[in-house]
Each structure stands twice: as C-alpha cells, then as structure tokens.
Amino acid sequence: LLQSFADLLKLIIKFKVMFFQNRTWLSWLGVYLLVFLSCGYCVVLGLAYSGVSSEFIMLWFLVLTSITGYSLLSIGWGSYNKYALLSCVRSAFGSVSFEACFMCVVIMVAVIVGTYGVGSWFLGHGVLVWFYLWFMVCGWLVYYE
C-alpha cells in the first residue's frame, strides 16, 4: 500500500516545463482528475452522512471509483518514464480489483435491502447487521480452517 502512494508522489512531484511536450498535458489532466475525484468523494460522503435522501449514492461512489483507474493510467502514460508507466498500471490494476470486489458487495447488499441508498441500508430492518455477521462467520471459518 505504501509503495503505491510512493509511486504516485514520485509521478506528481516531477518537474515539467510548460508547452515542451504534448504528453505532459495528459499527465496533468490525470492529476487534475484525481483532485476532482477527491472532491467528488467528499461531496458523495457528505451527502450520504448529512441525511440527504438519495437512492443512488452508492452508485455514484462506484462511478467515482471506476474513473480513478483512468486517471492513474493517464498520469503514467503522460510521464515519459517506463517505471512510472509500469507502477501506474500496477496501481490501476489494484484499484480495478478493489472495484470489482466492492461492486459485488454493493450489488449483493442492494439486492438484499432493495435500494442503493445508504440511509436505508442501516435502517432496513437490521438486514445489514446480519450481512456483517455473515461476513464475520465466513472470515472466521476461512481463518480457522
């Protein structure tokens, strides 16, 4: 986990001369997209915890998570460095694997509860509590098997 953050910092801190190369714009676009996605995460989480009733708040979270991989790839491809490109591909694949697992969990919980809204997940007749207990039992069985 720390290696991915170190690779990202190495890519962002590199010095670039403006208007010198065209692929640098792609790298800067990826950096600005990551900043925009961070602000988007703050907005989505703020809306979720402020009590705003939105039925699709988790779908917006999944959309923001899926765009993160593209921004990482654009940073790596626009940096003119093979090591940076490989580290961004590795980081993008890590985020894609997280996204696939997270999407399966979100869809499973949404099918059980009946909506993608966060508020009804916690108020949905205790269904989410049983879902957490199911994951804990499965984890216990895998760990002690």
N, C-alpha and C. Protein backbone atom coordinates (compact mmCIF):
# COMPACT_ATOMS: atom_id res chain seq x y z
N LEU A 1 0.83 -1.19 0.00
CA LEU A 1 0.00 0.00 0.00
C LEU A 1 0.87 1.25 0.00
N LEU A 2 1.91 1.27 0.80
CA LEU A 2 2.77 2.45 0.84
C LEU A 2 3.55 2.62 -0.46
N GLN A 3 3.86 1.51 -1.14
CA GLN A 3 4.57 1.59 -2.41
C GLN A 3 3.74 2.31 -3.46
N SER A 4 2.44 2.08 -3.48
CA SER A 4 1.57 2.76 -4.44
C SER A 4 1.54 4.26 -4.19
N PHE A 5 1.47 4.67 -2.91
CA PHE A 5 1.49 6.10 -2.60
C PHE A 5 2.84 6.71 -2.96
N ALA A 6 3.93 5.98 -2.74
CA ALA A 6 5.25 6.49 -3.10
C ALA A 6 5.37 6.67 -4.61
N ASP A 7 4.84 5.72 -5.37
CA ASP A 7 4.86 5.85 -6.83
C ASP A 7 4.05 7.04 -7.30
N LEU A 8 2.90 7.25 -6.69
CA LEU A 8 2.06 8.39 -7.07
C LEU A 8 2.75 9.71 -6.74
N LEU A 9 3.37 9.82 -5.58
CA LEU A 9 4.09 11.04 -5.23
C LEU A 9 5.27 11.28 -6.16
N LYS A 10 5.95 10.21 -6.56
CA LYS A 10 7.07 10.35 -7.49
C LYS A 10 6.60 10.90 -8.82
N LEU A 11 5.41 10.50 -9.25
CA LEU A 11 4.89 10.98 -10.53
C LEU A 11 4.45 12.43 -10.46
N ILE A 12 3.85 12.83 -9.36
CA ILE A 12 3.31 14.18 -9.25
C ILE A 12 4.41 15.21 -9.04
N ILE A 13 5.45 14.87 -8.29
CA ILE A 13 6.47 15.84 -7.93
C ILE A 13 7.47 16.11 -9.06
N LYS A 14 7.49 15.30 -10.10
CA LYS A 14 8.42 15.51 -11.22
C LYS A 14 8.27 16.92 -11.80
N PHE A 15 9.40 17.53 -12.13
CA PHE A 15 9.38 18.87 -12.71
C PHE A 15 9.17 18.77 -14.21
N LYS A 16 8.26 19.56 -14.74
CA LYS A 16 7.99 19.56 -16.17
C LYS A 16 7.96 21.01 -16.66
N VAL A 17 8.47 21.23 -17.87
CA VAL A 17 8.47 22.56 -18.47
C VAL A 17 7.18 22.71 -19.27
N MET A 18 6.47 23.81 -19.07
CA MET A 18 5.20 24.02 -19.76
C MET A 18 5.42 24.16 -21.27
N PHE A 19 4.50 23.65 -22.06
CA PHE A 19 4.48 23.71 -23.52
C PHE A 19 5.68 23.01 -24.15
N PHE A 20 6.36 22.13 -23.43
CA PHE A 20 7.52 21.47 -24.00
C PHE A 20 7.14 20.18 -24.72
N GLN A 21 6.28 19.41 -24.14
CA GLN A 21 5.87 18.15 -24.75
C GLN A 21 4.37 18.02 -24.62
N ASN A 22 3.76 17.35 -25.59
CA ASN A 22 2.31 17.25 -25.59
C ASN A 22 1.77 16.21 -24.62
N ARG A 23 2.53 15.16 -24.39
CA ARG A 23 2.03 14.13 -23.48
C ARG A 23 2.02 14.59 -22.03
N THR A 24 2.72 15.67 -21.74
CA THR A 24 2.68 16.18 -20.38
C THR A 24 1.30 16.67 -20.02
N TRP A 25 0.56 17.15 -21.00
CA TRP A 25 -0.81 17.60 -20.74
C TRP A 25 -1.67 16.45 -20.27
N LEU A 26 -1.43 15.27 -20.82
CA LEU A 26 -2.19 14.10 -20.39
C LEU A 26 -1.88 13.76 -18.93
N SER A 27 -0.63 13.90 -18.56
CA SER A 27 -0.25 13.64 -17.18
C SER A 27 -0.90 14.65 -16.23
N TRP A 28 -0.88 15.92 -16.61
CA TRP A 28 -1.52 16.94 -15.77
C TRP A 28 -3.02 16.75 -15.73
N LEU A 29 -3.61 16.32 -16.83
CA LEU A 29 -5.05 16.04 -16.84
C LEU A 29 -5.39 14.94 -15.84
N GLY A 30 -4.53 13.90 -15.76
CA GLY A 30 -4.75 12.84 -14.79
C GLY A 30 -4.64 13.32 -13.36
N VAL A 31 -3.68 14.23 -13.10
CA VAL A 31 -3.53 14.78 -11.75
C VAL A 31 -4.76 15.61 -11.38
N TYR A 32 -5.21 16.46 -12.32
CA TYR A 32 -6.40 17.28 -12.04
C TYR A 32 -7.64 16.41 -11.88
N LEU A 33 -7.70 15.32 -12.63
CA LEU A 33 -8.84 14.41 -12.49
C LEU A 33 -8.83 13.74 -11.12
N LEU A 34 -7.64 13.39 -10.61
CA LEU A 34 -7.56 12.83 -9.26
C LEU A 34 -8.00 13.83 -8.20
N VAL A 35 -7.64 15.10 -8.38
CA VAL A 35 -8.08 16.13 -7.44
C VAL A 35 -9.60 16.28 -7.50
N PHE A 36 -10.14 16.28 -8.72
CA PHE A 36 -11.59 16.38 -8.90
C PHE A 36 -12.30 15.18 -8.27
N LEU A 37 -11.72 13.98 -8.42
CA LEU A 37 -12.32 12.79 -7.82
C LEU A 37 -12.27 12.84 -6.30
N SER A 38 -11.20 13.39 -5.75
CA SER A 38 -11.13 13.54 -4.29
C SER A 38 -12.22 14.47 -3.79
N CYS A 39 -12.45 15.56 -4.52
CA CYS A 39 -13.55 16.47 -4.15
C CYS A 39 -14.90 15.78 -4.33
N GLY A 40 -15.01 14.94 -5.37
CA GLY A 40 -16.25 14.20 -5.58
C GLY A 40 -16.53 13.21 -4.46
N TYR A 41 -15.47 12.55 -3.96
CA TYR A 41 -15.64 11.65 -2.82
C TYR A 41 -16.14 12.43 -1.60
N CYS A 42 -15.57 13.61 -1.38
CA CYS A 42 -16.02 14.43 -0.24
C CYS A 42 -17.48 14.81 -0.38
N VAL A 43 -17.91 15.16 -1.59
CA VAL A 43 -19.31 15.53 -1.80
C VAL A 43 -20.23 14.34 -1.58
N VAL A 44 -19.85 13.18 -2.14
CA VAL A 44 -20.70 11.99 -2.01
C VAL A 44 -20.81 11.56 -0.55
N LEU A 45 -19.68 11.53 0.16
CA LEU A 45 -19.73 11.12 1.56
C LEU A 45 -20.44 12.17 2.41
N GLY A 46 -20.27 13.44 2.08
CA GLY A 46 -21.00 14.48 2.80
C GLY A 46 -22.50 14.36 2.61
N LEU A 47 -22.92 14.08 1.38
CA LEU A 47 -24.35 13.88 1.12
C LEU A 47 -24.89 12.64 1.82
N ALA A 48 -24.07 11.59 1.87
CA ALA A 48 -24.53 10.35 2.50
C ALA A 48 -24.71 10.52 4.00
N TYR A 49 -23.81 11.25 4.65
CA TYR A 49 -23.87 11.37 6.10
C TYR A 49 -24.68 12.58 6.57
N SER A 50 -25.08 13.46 5.67
CA SER A 50 -25.87 14.61 6.09
C SER A 50 -27.35 14.32 6.14
N GLY A 51 -27.75 13.16 5.67
CA GLY A 51 -29.15 12.79 5.72
C GLY A 51 -29.91 13.10 4.45
N VAL A 52 -29.21 13.53 3.41
CA VAL A 52 -29.87 13.79 2.13
C VAL A 52 -30.34 12.46 1.56
N SER A 53 -31.60 12.40 1.22
CA SER A 53 -32.17 11.14 0.75
C SER A 53 -31.90 10.97 -0.74
N SER A 54 -30.93 10.15 -1.06
CA SER A 54 -30.62 9.84 -2.44
C SER A 54 -30.59 8.32 -2.58
N GLU A 55 -31.31 7.83 -3.55
CA GLU A 55 -31.39 6.38 -3.71
C GLU A 55 -30.17 5.80 -4.42
N PHE A 56 -29.37 6.64 -5.05
CA PHE A 56 -28.27 6.13 -5.86
C PHE A 56 -26.91 6.63 -5.39
N ILE A 57 -26.74 6.86 -4.11
CA ILE A 57 -25.49 7.42 -3.61
C ILE A 57 -24.34 6.41 -3.74
N MET A 58 -24.61 5.13 -3.56
CA MET A 58 -23.55 4.13 -3.70
C MET A 58 -23.17 3.92 -5.16
N LEU A 59 -24.11 4.13 -6.08
CA LEU A 59 -23.76 4.05 -7.49
C LEU A 59 -22.84 5.19 -7.89
N TRP A 60 -23.07 6.38 -7.34
CA TRP A 60 -22.17 7.49 -7.61
C TRP A 60 -20.78 7.20 -7.04
N PHE A 61 -20.73 6.55 -5.88
CA PHE A 61 -19.44 6.17 -5.30
C PHE A 61 -18.72 5.18 -6.20
N LEU A 62 -19.45 4.23 -6.77
CA LEU A 62 -18.84 3.27 -7.70
C LEU A 62 -18.35 3.96 -8.97
N VAL A 63 -19.08 4.94 -9.47
CA VAL A 63 -18.66 5.67 -10.67
C VAL A 63 -17.35 6.43 -10.40
N LEU A 64 -17.27 7.10 -9.26
CA LEU A 64 -16.04 7.82 -8.92
C LEU A 64 -14.87 6.85 -8.77
N THR A 65 -15.11 5.69 -8.18
CA THR A 65 -14.06 4.71 -8.01
C THR A 65 -13.58 4.16 -9.35
N SER A 66 -14.48 3.99 -10.30
CA SER A 66 -14.07 3.45 -11.60
C SER A 66 -13.27 4.46 -12.41
N ILE A 67 -13.52 5.74 -12.25
CA ILE A 67 -12.77 6.76 -13.00
C ILE A 67 -11.34 6.90 -12.47
N THR A 68 -11.10 6.49 -11.25
CA THR A 68 -9.77 6.60 -10.65
C THR A 68 -8.73 5.83 -11.45
N GLY A 69 -9.08 4.66 -11.95
CA GLY A 69 -8.14 3.87 -12.75
C GLY A 69 -7.70 4.58 -14.01
N TYR A 70 -8.61 5.28 -14.67
CA TYR A 70 -8.26 6.01 -15.88
C TYR A 70 -7.33 7.18 -15.59
N SER A 71 -7.55 7.85 -14.48
CA SER A 71 -6.67 8.97 -14.15
C SER A 71 -5.26 8.48 -13.82
N LEU A 72 -5.15 7.34 -13.14
CA LEU A 72 -3.83 6.79 -12.84
C LEU A 72 -3.10 6.38 -14.12
N LEU A 73 -3.83 5.78 -15.06
CA LEU A 73 -3.20 5.39 -16.32
C LEU A 73 -2.76 6.61 -17.13
N SER A 74 -3.53 7.68 -17.10
CA SER A 74 -3.13 8.87 -17.85
C SER A 74 -1.90 9.53 -17.24
N ILE A 75 -1.77 9.48 -15.93
CA ILE A 75 -0.57 10.03 -15.29
C ILE A 75 0.66 9.22 -15.72
N GLY A 76 0.56 7.92 -15.69
CA GLY A 76 1.70 7.08 -16.06
C GLY A 76 2.08 7.20 -17.52
N TRP A 77 1.09 7.26 -18.40
CA TRP A 77 1.38 7.31 -19.82
C TRP A 77 1.93 8.67 -20.23
N GLY A 78 1.53 9.71 -19.55
CA GLY A 78 2.00 11.04 -19.90
C GLY A 78 3.30 11.43 -19.26
N SER A 79 3.95 10.56 -18.53
CA SER A 79 5.15 10.94 -17.79
C SER A 79 6.45 10.64 -18.53
N TYR A 80 6.42 9.94 -19.65
CA TYR A 80 7.62 9.58 -20.42
C TYR A 80 8.62 8.77 -19.61
N ASN A 81 8.15 7.95 -18.72
CA ASN A 81 9.03 7.14 -17.89
C ASN A 81 8.45 5.74 -17.83
N LYS A 82 9.26 4.74 -18.21
CA LYS A 82 8.75 3.36 -18.23
C LYS A 82 8.43 2.86 -16.82
N TYR A 83 9.26 3.22 -15.85
CA TYR A 83 9.00 2.79 -14.48
C TYR A 83 7.70 3.40 -13.97
N ALA A 84 7.49 4.67 -14.30
CA ALA A 84 6.25 5.33 -13.87
C ALA A 84 5.04 4.70 -14.54
N LEU A 85 5.18 4.35 -15.82
CA LEU A 85 4.07 3.71 -16.52
C LEU A 85 3.74 2.36 -15.90
N LEU A 86 4.77 1.56 -15.61
CA LEU A 86 4.52 0.25 -15.01
C LEU A 86 3.93 0.38 -13.61
N SER A 87 4.38 1.34 -12.84
CA SER A 87 3.83 1.50 -11.50
C SER A 87 2.39 2.00 -11.55
N CYS A 88 2.06 2.84 -12.54
CA CYS A 88 0.67 3.29 -12.67
C CYS A 88 -0.23 2.16 -13.15
N VAL A 89 0.28 1.32 -14.03
CA VAL A 89 -0.51 0.17 -14.47
C VAL A 89 -0.76 -0.76 -13.29
N ARG A 90 0.26 -0.97 -12.46
CA ARG A 90 0.09 -1.81 -11.27
C ARG A 90 -0.93 -1.19 -10.31
N SER A 91 -0.84 0.10 -10.11
CA SER A 91 -1.78 0.78 -9.23
C SER A 91 -3.20 0.75 -9.80
N ALA A 92 -3.32 0.93 -11.11
CA ALA A 92 -4.65 0.89 -11.74
C ALA A 92 -5.25 -0.50 -11.64
N PHE A 93 -4.44 -1.54 -11.84
CA PHE A 93 -4.97 -2.90 -11.70
C PHE A 93 -5.38 -3.19 -10.26
N GLY A 94 -4.64 -2.64 -9.30
CA GLY A 94 -5.04 -2.80 -7.90
C GLY A 94 -6.36 -2.13 -7.61
N SER A 95 -6.55 -0.95 -8.17
CA SER A 95 -7.84 -0.27 -7.94
C SER A 95 -8.97 -0.96 -8.67
N VAL A 96 -8.69 -1.56 -9.84
CA VAL A 96 -9.73 -2.29 -10.56
C VAL A 96 -10.13 -3.55 -9.80
N SER A 97 -9.16 -4.25 -9.21
CA SER A 97 -9.52 -5.45 -8.44
C SER A 97 -10.32 -5.08 -7.20
N PHE A 98 -9.95 -3.97 -6.54
CA PHE A 98 -10.75 -3.49 -5.41
C PHE A 98 -12.15 -3.13 -5.87
N GLU A 99 -12.23 -2.47 -7.01
CA GLU A 99 -13.53 -2.03 -7.52
C GLU A 99 -14.44 -3.22 -7.83
N ALA A 100 -13.87 -4.28 -8.39
CA ALA A 100 -14.69 -5.46 -8.71
C ALA A 100 -15.25 -6.10 -7.44
N CYS A 101 -14.41 -6.26 -6.43
CA CYS A 101 -14.89 -6.84 -5.16
C CYS A 101 -15.91 -5.93 -4.50
N PHE A 102 -15.63 -4.63 -4.50
CA PHE A 102 -16.54 -3.67 -3.88
C PHE A 102 -17.88 -3.64 -4.62
N MET A 103 -17.84 -3.74 -5.95
CA MET A 103 -19.08 -3.74 -6.72
C MET A 103 -19.92 -4.97 -6.40
N CYS A 104 -19.28 -6.11 -6.24
CA CYS A 104 -20.04 -7.32 -5.88
C CYS A 104 -20.70 -7.17 -4.51
N VAL A 105 -19.97 -6.61 -3.55
CA VAL A 105 -20.55 -6.41 -2.21
C VAL A 105 -21.69 -5.42 -2.25
N VAL A 106 -21.52 -4.31 -2.99
CA VAL A 106 -22.57 -3.29 -3.06
C VAL A 106 -23.82 -3.85 -3.74
N ILE A 107 -23.64 -4.59 -4.81
CA ILE A 107 -24.80 -5.15 -5.51
C ILE A 107 -25.49 -6.19 -4.64
N MET A 108 -24.71 -7.00 -3.91
CA MET A 108 -25.32 -8.01 -3.05
C MET A 108 -26.13 -7.36 -1.92
N VAL A 109 -25.57 -6.32 -1.30
CA VAL A 109 -26.30 -5.63 -0.23
C VAL A 109 -27.52 -4.91 -0.79
N ALA A 110 -27.39 -4.32 -1.98
CA ALA A 110 -28.53 -3.62 -2.58
C ALA A 110 -29.65 -4.58 -2.95
N VAL A 111 -29.30 -5.79 -3.37
CA VAL A 111 -30.34 -6.78 -3.67
C VAL A 111 -31.03 -7.22 -2.39
N ILE A 112 -30.27 -7.38 -1.31
CA ILE A 112 -30.86 -7.80 -0.04
C ILE A 112 -31.75 -6.71 0.53
N VAL A 113 -31.25 -5.46 0.55
CA VAL A 113 -32.00 -4.36 1.15
C VAL A 113 -33.06 -3.83 0.21
N GLY A 114 -32.76 -3.76 -1.08
CA GLY A 114 -33.73 -3.30 -2.07
C GLY A 114 -33.48 -1.91 -2.61
N THR A 115 -32.38 -1.26 -2.22
CA THR A 115 -32.07 0.07 -2.72
C THR A 115 -30.56 0.32 -2.63
N TYR A 116 -30.10 1.32 -3.36
CA TYR A 116 -28.70 1.72 -3.30
C TYR A 116 -28.47 2.89 -2.35
N GLY A 117 -29.49 3.34 -1.67
CA GLY A 117 -29.36 4.44 -0.72
C GLY A 117 -28.71 3.98 0.57
N VAL A 118 -27.81 4.80 1.11
CA VAL A 118 -27.06 4.41 2.30
C VAL A 118 -27.94 4.43 3.54
N GLY A 119 -28.84 5.39 3.64
CA GLY A 119 -29.68 5.51 4.83
C GLY A 119 -30.56 4.31 5.06
N SER A 120 -31.11 3.77 4.01
CA SER A 120 -31.98 2.62 4.18
C SER A 120 -31.19 1.33 4.41
N TRP A 121 -29.89 1.33 4.12
CA TRP A 121 -29.09 0.15 4.42
C TRP A 121 -29.01 -0.06 5.92
N PHE A 122 -28.88 1.03 6.65
CA PHE A 122 -28.75 0.92 8.10
C PHE A 122 -30.09 0.84 8.80
N LEU A 123 -31.14 1.29 8.14
CA LEU A 123 -32.47 1.26 8.74
C LEU A 123 -33.33 0.14 8.19
N GLY A 124 -32.79 -0.67 7.30
CA GLY A 124 -33.57 -1.70 6.61
C GLY A 124 -33.81 -2.94 7.45
N HIS A 125 -34.45 -2.80 8.58
CA HIS A 125 -34.87 -3.91 9.44
C HIS A 125 -33.69 -4.77 9.90
N GLY A 126 -32.54 -4.18 10.07
CA GLY A 126 -31.39 -4.91 10.58
C GLY A 126 -30.79 -5.90 9.60
N VAL A 127 -31.11 -5.77 8.33
CA VAL A 127 -30.58 -6.71 7.33
C VAL A 127 -29.08 -6.57 7.21
N LEU A 128 -28.57 -5.33 7.29
CA LEU A 128 -27.14 -5.12 7.15
C LEU A 128 -26.36 -5.72 8.32
N VAL A 129 -26.96 -5.75 9.50
CA VAL A 129 -26.30 -6.37 10.64
C VAL A 129 -26.11 -7.86 10.39
N TRP A 130 -27.12 -8.52 9.84
CA TRP A 130 -26.99 -9.94 9.51
C TRP A 130 -25.97 -10.14 8.39
N PHE A 131 -25.89 -9.20 7.48
CA PHE A 131 -24.91 -9.29 6.40
C PHE A 131 -23.49 -9.21 6.96
N TYR A 132 -23.25 -8.29 7.91
CA TYR A 132 -21.94 -8.19 8.56
C TYR A 132 -21.62 -9.47 9.34
N LEU A 133 -22.60 -9.99 10.04
CA LEU A 133 -22.38 -11.22 10.78
C LEU A 133 -22.04 -12.38 9.86
N TRP A 134 -22.68 -12.41 8.69
CA TRP A 134 -22.40 -13.47 7.72
C TRP A 134 -20.94 -13.38 7.25
N PHE A 135 -20.45 -12.16 6.97
CA PHE A 135 -19.06 -11.98 6.57
C PHE A 135 -18.11 -12.36 7.70
N MET A 136 -18.47 -12.04 8.94
CA MET A 136 -17.60 -12.39 10.06
C MET A 136 -17.52 -13.89 10.24
N VAL A 137 -18.63 -14.59 10.09
CA VAL A 137 -18.63 -16.05 10.23
C VAL A 137 -17.81 -16.67 9.10
N CYS A 138 -17.98 -16.18 7.88
CA CYS A 138 -17.21 -16.71 6.75
C CYS A 138 -15.71 -16.46 6.95
N GLY A 139 -15.36 -15.28 7.42
CA GLY A 139 -13.96 -14.98 7.69
C GLY A 139 -13.40 -15.85 8.80
N TRP A 140 -14.20 -16.11 9.82
CA TRP A 140 -13.76 -16.97 10.91
C TRP A 140 -13.53 -18.39 10.42
N LEU A 141 -14.45 -18.88 9.57
CA LEU A 141 -14.31 -20.24 9.04
C LEU A 141 -13.08 -20.37 8.15
N VAL A 142 -12.79 -19.36 7.35
CA VAL A 142 -11.62 -19.40 6.49
C VAL A 142 -10.34 -19.31 7.31
N TYR A 143 -10.34 -18.48 8.35
CA TYR A 143 -9.14 -18.28 9.15
C TYR A 143 -8.81 -19.52 9.98
N TYR A 144 -9.81 -20.15 10.57
CA TYR A 144 -9.55 -21.28 11.46
C TYR A 144 -9.68 -22.63 10.78
N GLU A 145 -9.82 -22.66 9.50
CA GLU A 145 -9.95 -23.94 8.80
C GLU A 145 -8.62 -24.58 8.57
